[in-house]
Protein backbone atom coordinates (compact mmCIF):
# COMPACT_ATOMS: atom_id res chain seq x y z
CA MET A 1 62.50 113.85 105.61
CA LEU A 2 61.99 117.34 107.07
CA ARG A 3 65.21 118.40 105.37
CA SER A 4 66.38 118.59 101.77
CA THR A 5 69.91 117.57 102.76
CA HIS A 6 69.95 113.78 103.03
CA LEU A 7 71.95 110.60 102.57
CA LYS A 8 70.68 107.94 100.19
CA ILE A 9 71.50 104.34 101.10
CA ASN A 10 71.18 101.84 98.26
CA ILE A 11 69.87 98.58 99.75
CA ASN A 12 70.29 96.68 96.48
CA ASN A 13 74.00 97.47 96.55
CA LEU A 14 74.25 96.48 100.21
CA LEU A 15 72.74 93.08 99.44
CA PHE A 16 74.97 92.74 96.37
CA ASN A 17 78.03 93.34 98.55
CA MET A 18 76.82 90.91 101.21
CA ALA A 19 76.23 88.19 98.62
CA ASN A 20 79.69 88.60 97.08
CA ILE A 21 81.34 88.54 100.50
CA ASN A 22 79.43 85.39 101.43
CA ALA A 23 80.52 83.81 98.14
CA PHE A 24 84.15 84.61 98.98
CA ILE A 25 84.18 83.06 102.46
CA LYS A 26 83.57 79.39 103.24
CA ASP A 27 80.15 78.21 104.38
CA ASP A 28 81.35 77.52 107.92
CA VAL A 29 82.85 81.02 108.38
CA ILE A 30 80.61 83.51 110.20
CA LEU A 31 80.07 86.86 108.50
CA GLY A 32 80.34 89.29 111.40
CA ALA A 33 78.84 92.58 110.19
CA VAL A 34 80.61 95.57 111.74
CA LEU A 35 78.02 98.21 112.61
CA LYS A 36 80.13 100.51 114.77
CA ALA A 37 79.97 104.28 114.24
CA ASN A 38 76.34 104.04 113.17
CA ALA A 39 77.23 101.42 110.54
CA TYR A 40 80.00 103.68 109.25
CA GLY A 41 77.48 106.50 108.96
CA HIS A 42 74.95 104.45 107.00
CA GLY A 43 72.51 103.99 109.88
CA ALA A 44 73.00 100.99 112.19
CA LYS A 45 69.37 100.16 112.95
CA TYR A 46 68.03 99.72 109.43
CA THR A 47 71.29 98.24 108.15
CA ALA A 48 71.16 95.59 110.89
CA LYS A 49 67.51 94.83 110.16
CA THR A 50 68.23 94.42 106.44
CA LEU A 51 71.24 92.18 106.95
CA TYR A 52 69.46 90.09 109.59
CA ASN A 53 66.53 89.50 107.27
CA HIS A 54 69.01 88.21 104.69
CA GLY A 55 70.83 85.77 106.94
CA VAL A 56 73.41 87.76 108.91
CA LYS A 57 73.07 87.10 112.65
CA TYR A 58 76.33 88.39 114.20
CA PHE A 59 76.82 92.13 114.65
CA LEU A 60 79.95 93.83 115.96
CA VAL A 61 80.13 97.32 117.48
CA ALA A 62 82.69 99.39 119.34
CA THR A 63 80.76 100.55 122.41
CA LEU A 64 78.16 99.39 124.88
CA LEU A 65 75.78 102.17 123.83
CA GLU A 66 75.89 100.99 120.21
CA ALA A 67 75.13 97.44 121.32
CA ILE A 68 72.17 98.50 123.49
CA GLN A 69 70.74 100.50 120.59
CA LEU A 70 70.72 97.35 118.46
CA ARG A 71 69.52 95.10 121.26
CA ASN A 72 66.48 97.36 121.63
CA GLU A 73 65.75 96.68 117.98
CA ASN A 74 65.95 92.87 118.10
CA ALA A 75 66.35 90.41 120.98
CA ASN A 76 67.85 87.78 118.66
CA TYR A 77 70.87 89.68 117.34
CA GLN A 78 74.22 88.25 118.44
CA LEU A 79 76.03 91.40 119.57
CA LEU A 80 79.73 91.78 120.35
CA VAL A 81 81.23 94.94 121.84
CA MET A 82 84.78 94.93 120.49
CA GLY A 83 85.94 97.90 122.57
CA HIS A 84 86.43 98.42 126.30
CA THR A 85 83.42 98.45 128.60
CA PRO A 86 84.24 100.27 131.88
CA ASP A 87 83.75 98.29 135.08
CA ASP A 88 80.81 100.41 136.22
CA TYR A 89 78.81 99.39 133.14
CA LEU A 90 79.68 95.70 132.90
CA HIS A 91 76.36 94.64 134.39
CA HIS A 92 74.63 95.96 131.27
CA LEU A 93 76.35 93.29 129.19
CA ILE A 94 74.56 90.68 131.25
CA ASN A 95 71.26 92.53 131.48
CA TYR A 96 71.07 93.03 127.71
CA ASN A 97 72.59 89.67 126.72
CA ILE A 98 75.56 91.31 124.99
CA ILE A 99 78.95 89.70 124.42
CA GLY A 100 81.74 91.76 125.95
CA THR A 101 85.42 91.98 125.13
CA VAL A 102 87.74 91.16 128.03
CA PHE A 103 91.49 91.59 128.27
CA THR A 104 92.17 91.61 132.02
CA LEU A 105 91.69 89.03 134.74
CA ASP A 106 90.11 91.67 136.98
CA GLN A 107 87.29 92.33 134.50
CA ALA A 108 86.75 88.62 134.03
CA ARG A 109 86.39 88.18 137.79
CA LEU A 110 83.97 91.08 138.02
CA LEU A 111 81.82 89.76 135.17
CA ASN A 112 81.83 86.29 136.72
CA LYS A 113 80.65 87.76 140.02
CA LEU A 114 77.93 89.83 138.37
CA ALA A 115 76.70 86.84 136.37
CA TYR A 116 76.66 84.68 139.53
CA LYS A 117 74.33 87.19 141.20
CA LYS A 118 72.03 87.02 138.17
CA GLY A 119 72.14 83.23 138.01
CA THR A 120 73.50 83.25 134.47
CA GLN A 121 76.75 83.37 132.48
CA ALA A 122 78.53 86.41 131.08
CA LYS A 123 79.49 85.93 127.44
CA VAL A 124 82.91 87.24 126.39
CA HIS A 125 85.54 87.26 123.69
CA LEU A 126 89.19 87.58 124.69
CA LYS A 127 91.17 90.32 122.94
CA ILE A 128 94.73 89.19 122.26
CA GLU A 129 97.60 91.58 121.57
CA THR A 130 99.85 90.54 118.67
CA GLY A 131 101.40 93.84 117.60
CA PHE A 132 98.69 96.44 117.07
CA ASN A 133 99.27 97.66 120.64
CA ARG A 134 95.84 99.09 121.21
CA LEU A 135 93.75 96.75 123.38
CA GLY A 136 94.52 93.18 124.31
CA MET A 137 96.29 90.66 126.49
CA GLN A 138 99.95 90.32 125.64
CA ILE A 139 101.06 86.77 124.95
CA ASN A 140 103.13 85.65 127.91
CA GLU A 141 103.03 82.96 130.59
CA GLU A 142 101.31 85.20 133.14
CA ASN A 143 98.43 85.98 130.80
CA ILE A 144 98.14 82.34 129.72
CA GLN A 145 97.65 81.50 133.38
CA ASP A 146 95.08 84.31 133.63
CA ILE A 147 93.13 82.81 130.71
CA LEU A 148 93.32 79.42 132.40
CA GLN A 149 91.74 80.97 135.51
CA MET A 150 89.05 82.63 133.37
CA SER A 151 88.21 79.31 131.75
CA GLN A 152 87.54 77.81 135.19
CA MET A 153 85.03 80.50 136.19
CA ASN A 154 81.58 78.91 136.33
CA HIS A 155 79.73 82.05 135.28
CA LEU A 156 82.03 83.21 132.46
CA ASP A 157 81.42 81.83 128.98
CA ILE A 158 84.48 82.40 126.78
CA GLN A 159 82.82 82.23 123.38
CA GLY A 160 85.60 83.74 121.30
CA ALA A 161 89.07 85.20 120.96
CA PHE A 162 90.43 87.68 118.46
CA THR A 163 93.26 89.96 117.45
CA HIS A 164 93.71 92.75 114.90
CA LEU A 165 96.26 92.75 112.08
CA THR A 166 98.32 95.89 111.52
CA LEU A 167 98.12 95.33 107.72
CA LYS A 168 101.60 96.71 107.17
CA SER A 169 102.84 93.79 105.07
CA LYS A 170 102.12 90.14 104.42
CA ASP A 171 105.14 89.08 106.49
CA SER A 172 104.10 91.10 109.55
CA ASP A 173 100.47 90.01 109.22
CA LEU A 174 101.56 86.37 108.97
CA ASN A 175 103.69 86.83 112.07
CA GLN A 176 100.70 88.20 113.98
CA TYR A 177 98.49 85.37 112.74
CA ASN A 178 101.05 82.78 113.82
CA MET A 179 101.39 84.38 117.25
CA PHE A 180 97.63 84.19 117.70
CA MET A 181 97.39 80.60 116.49
CA ASP A 182 100.32 79.51 118.67
CA LEU A 183 98.44 80.90 121.67
CA ILE A 184 95.26 79.06 120.61
CA SER A 185 97.28 75.81 120.33
CA THR A 186 98.78 76.39 123.78
CA LEU A 187 95.33 76.96 125.26
CA GLU A 188 93.90 73.88 123.56
CA ALA A 189 96.76 71.79 124.94
CA LYS A 190 95.61 72.96 128.37
CA GLY A 191 92.04 71.94 127.63
CA ILE A 192 90.72 75.41 126.74
CA HIS A 193 88.71 75.30 123.52
CA ILE A 194 87.46 78.63 122.16
CA PRO A 195 84.68 78.29 119.55
CA VAL A 196 84.86 81.60 117.64
CA LYS A 197 88.31 82.78 116.54
CA HIS A 198 88.80 85.82 114.31
CA VAL A 199 91.68 87.97 113.06
CA CYS A 200 90.45 89.48 109.77
CA ASP A 201 88.76 92.80 109.14
CA SER A 202 87.58 93.69 105.62
CA ILE A 203 91.10 94.11 104.24
CA GLY A 204 92.45 91.03 105.98
CA MET A 205 89.48 89.00 104.75
CA ALA A 206 90.10 90.00 101.13
CA LEU A 207 93.87 89.52 101.31
CA TYR A 208 94.16 86.34 103.35
CA PRO A 209 91.49 83.66 102.82
CA GLU A 210 93.71 81.30 104.78
CA PHE A 211 93.28 83.51 107.88
CA HIS A 212 89.47 83.46 107.98
CA LEU A 213 89.21 81.01 110.91
CA SER A 214 85.70 80.94 112.49
CA MET A 215 84.60 84.49 111.67
CA VAL A 216 85.53 87.53 109.62
CA ARG A 217 84.75 91.08 110.75
CA VAL A 218 83.42 92.95 107.72
CA GLY A 219 82.59 96.63 107.83
CA ALA A 220 83.99 98.74 104.99
CA LEU A 221 83.41 96.16 102.26
CA LEU A 222 79.74 95.78 103.19
CA TYR A 223 79.33 99.48 102.50
CA GLY A 224 81.26 99.31 99.23
CA LEU A 225 84.33 101.08 100.63
CA GLN A 226 86.96 99.07 98.80
CA SER A 227 90.62 99.57 99.67
CA GLU A 228 92.21 100.93 96.53
CA ASP A 229 95.03 98.40 96.12
CA LYS A 230 93.19 95.43 97.60
CA GLY A 231 90.25 95.07 95.22
CA ILE A 232 89.64 91.33 95.27
CA ILE A 233 85.90 91.33 95.99
CA ASP A 234 83.41 93.08 93.71
CA VAL A 235 81.49 95.61 95.80
CA LYS A 236 79.50 98.75 95.07
CA PRO A 237 79.26 101.97 97.12
CA ILE A 238 75.91 102.17 98.86
CA LEU A 239 75.91 105.80 100.02
CA SER A 240 75.31 109.06 98.18
CA PHE A 241 74.72 112.57 99.55
CA TYR A 242 72.26 115.14 98.16
CA THR A 243 70.64 118.48 98.88
CA LYS A 244 68.83 121.33 97.08
CA PRO A 245 69.74 125.04 96.94
CA SER A 246 68.04 127.14 99.58
CA CYS A 247 68.87 130.52 98.03
CA ILE A 248 70.13 131.72 94.64
CA LYS A 249 71.24 135.30 94.03
CA LYS A 250 73.40 137.40 91.77
CA ILE A 251 76.43 139.17 93.23
CA PHE A 252 78.65 141.72 91.53
CA SER A 253 82.34 141.73 90.73
CA GLY A 254 84.37 142.48 93.88
CA GLU A 255 81.75 141.26 96.36
CA SER A 256 82.81 138.66 98.91
CA VAL A 257 81.22 135.45 100.15
CA SER A 258 81.16 134.02 103.69
CA TYR A 259 83.32 134.61 106.78
CA GLY A 260 86.43 136.72 106.62
CA ASN A 261 85.98 137.97 103.06
CA ARG A 262 88.24 135.15 101.90
CA TRP A 263 86.70 134.85 98.45
CA PHE A 264 85.82 137.68 96.08
CA ALA A 265 83.91 137.43 92.83
CA LYS A 266 86.20 138.28 89.91
CA ASN A 267 83.16 138.94 87.76
CA ASP A 268 79.43 139.29 88.21
CA THR A 269 78.17 135.80 89.06
CA ILE A 270 75.34 133.80 90.61
CA ILE A 271 75.82 132.27 94.05
CA ALA A 272 73.72 129.41 95.42
CA THR A 273 73.55 128.72 99.14
CA LEU A 274 73.34 125.03 100.07
CA PRO A 275 71.88 123.91 103.42
CA PHE A 276 74.74 121.77 104.72
CA GLY A 277 77.99 122.54 106.47
CA TYR A 278 80.71 121.22 108.72
CA ALA A 279 78.24 120.31 111.49
CA ASP A 280 76.86 117.74 109.04
CA GLY A 281 80.27 116.16 108.69
CA PHE A 282 81.38 117.99 105.56
CA PRO A 283 85.00 118.93 106.33
CA ARG A 284 85.60 122.65 106.75
CA THR A 285 89.09 122.15 105.31
CA LEU A 286 87.54 121.71 101.84
CA TYR A 287 87.22 125.48 101.47
CA GLN A 288 88.30 126.33 97.91
CA LYS A 289 88.96 122.64 97.13
CA SER A 290 85.65 120.89 96.67
CA PHE A 291 82.71 121.07 94.29
CA VAL A 292 79.19 119.75 93.88
CA THR A 293 77.41 118.45 90.80
CA ILE A 294 74.09 119.66 89.38
CA HIS A 295 72.84 118.14 86.12
CA GLN A 296 76.30 116.59 85.68
CA ASN A 297 77.94 120.03 85.81
CA LYS A 298 80.49 120.74 88.52
CA TYR A 299 80.31 123.91 90.60
CA PRO A 300 83.02 124.97 93.07
CA ILE A 301 82.36 125.67 96.74
CA VAL A 302 83.43 129.25 97.43
CA GLY A 303 84.02 131.11 100.65
CA ALA A 304 84.53 129.56 104.06
CA ILE A 305 82.28 126.57 104.76
CA CYS A 306 79.87 127.46 107.57
CA MET A 307 78.50 125.24 110.31
CA ASP A 308 75.18 124.71 108.54
CA GLN A 309 75.60 126.16 105.06
CA CYS A 310 78.03 126.66 102.21
CA MET A 311 77.99 128.52 98.91
CA ILE A 312 78.76 127.56 95.34
CA ASP A 313 79.56 129.68 92.28
CA LEU A 314 77.11 128.93 89.48
CA GLY A 315 78.51 131.39 86.96
CA ILE A 316 76.60 134.20 85.36
CA SER A 317 74.61 132.14 82.85
CA SER A 318 73.34 129.44 85.22
CA GLU A 319 69.78 128.15 85.02
CA VAL A 320 69.96 126.19 88.28
CA THR A 321 66.84 126.54 90.45
CA THR A 322 66.01 125.77 94.07
CA ASN A 323 64.23 122.62 92.88
CA ASP A 324 67.35 121.04 91.40
CA ALA A 325 69.08 118.10 93.07
CA VAL A 326 72.63 118.83 94.18
CA GLU A 327 74.97 115.84 94.38
CA ILE A 328 77.56 116.26 97.13
CA LEU A 329 78.78 112.65 96.95
CA GLY A 330 77.68 110.09 94.41
CA PRO A 331 78.35 108.88 90.86
CA TYR A 332 79.91 112.17 89.78
CA ASN A 333 81.65 113.01 93.07
CA ASN A 334 83.07 109.69 94.22
CA ILE A 335 84.09 109.01 97.80
CA GLU A 336 87.65 108.04 96.82
CA ASP A 337 88.47 111.43 95.29
CA PHE A 338 86.64 113.19 98.09
CA ALA A 339 88.72 111.45 100.76
CA GLN A 340 91.92 112.30 98.90
CA LEU A 341 90.93 115.98 98.87
CA VAL A 342 90.50 115.86 102.64
CA GLY A 343 93.70 113.86 103.14
CA THR A 344 92.03 110.97 104.94
CA ASN A 345 90.40 107.61 104.25
CA LYS A 346 86.86 106.84 103.13
CA ASN A 347 85.81 105.40 106.48
CA ASP A 348 86.62 108.71 108.15
CA ILE A 349 84.36 110.59 105.75
CA VAL A 350 81.26 108.41 105.92
CA SER A 351 81.41 107.73 109.66
CA GLY A 352 81.51 111.49 110.27
CA PHE A 353 78.11 112.25 108.78
CA ALA A 354 75.95 113.75 111.50
CA ALA A 355 72.84 112.22 113.05
CA ARG A 356 70.80 115.23 111.94
CA ILE A 357 71.06 114.17 108.28
CA PRO A 358 68.09 111.94 107.34
CA ARG A 359 69.05 108.53 105.94
CA VAL A 360 66.81 107.59 103.01
CA TYR A 361 66.93 103.89 102.13
CA ILE A 362 66.29 102.98 98.50
CA LYS A 363 65.46 99.51 97.17
CA ASP A 364 64.49 98.79 93.58
CA GLN A 365 64.58 102.56 92.97
CA LYS A 366 61.88 103.20 95.59
CA ILE A 367 62.09 104.63 99.09
CA CYS A 368 61.64 101.75 101.56
CA HIS A 369 62.55 103.56 104.80
CA ILE A 370 63.52 106.98 106.15
CA GLU A 371 65.51 107.27 109.36
CA ASN A 372 65.51 110.57 111.25
CA GLU A 373 67.81 109.77 114.12
CA ILE A 374 67.28 112.90 116.19
CA LEU A 375 63.50 112.54 116.37
């Protein structure tokens, strides 16, 4: 691993989650695995390989770079970039056989032109705006006419259309769904038939089986990041975070720890330095709030969290050594409580883990792969 600080990814739990999600959706619904943000911090390359080998073929990312990374791994992945691809880079969608998201007539024309020059078709999904007000074509007569023009372009293959629910309430989500389906009906009446239609992310999939349509976009649930009040599908967390102490020393009452002398020892105590910090994605705001677990005992983080290191107070009678495993996140420090301490959601925490942390993949309690992304 070249580093004692590492993330463990439980492949058995990933496959357990995938199986339960597949059991929840109908056989004709595509499970689109969302691998954006490095598979929510879990490592996109090996996660994609694992899922593909167990039947998942459709992978969704946010950016062109993420899609190219996965295309370089496997020529057979079906890859959709859900975010915006700038005009200057649209030719890469064609060159790498990647499905792009389009929400303007100008981009559709440009893709059609680029595909004509290559003697092929550009594959796209249309992003439809129904209330999220992020990306998408608003539903009006002008844009319906634009979609009609797109459908008549010989080198543009409209393979799908999608929108994103705001997930505020069932009534508002139903309104968005109906807006989307009314547009689909209008397009079909004009002879435009779009094969892959999708509105549900993980939460929408769990809440609204009747909204599944052709595909569901599942990210958080694959990684066991269940939404607290929407626990319909049985999933298990697949990520844990560990390190080992790099230094252990006794300090005396009144001595301080870390930047700014913000923490002083009230009594003689033993301090352990841990080799991770905010550059690894551990929030600096957790100063004086968080703890780690060693042999099921909790030890508080003391002093300001540094870029690459932080310190914990072991107490004066500690027998912790530099060979002991330190759990930062895991069975005794769960991601839900951790996110609450930070004041954010679980996705924010796991997607923020830095590339310099090795990902260690475990299956049947054995290491099956180690990913060092910066090598």
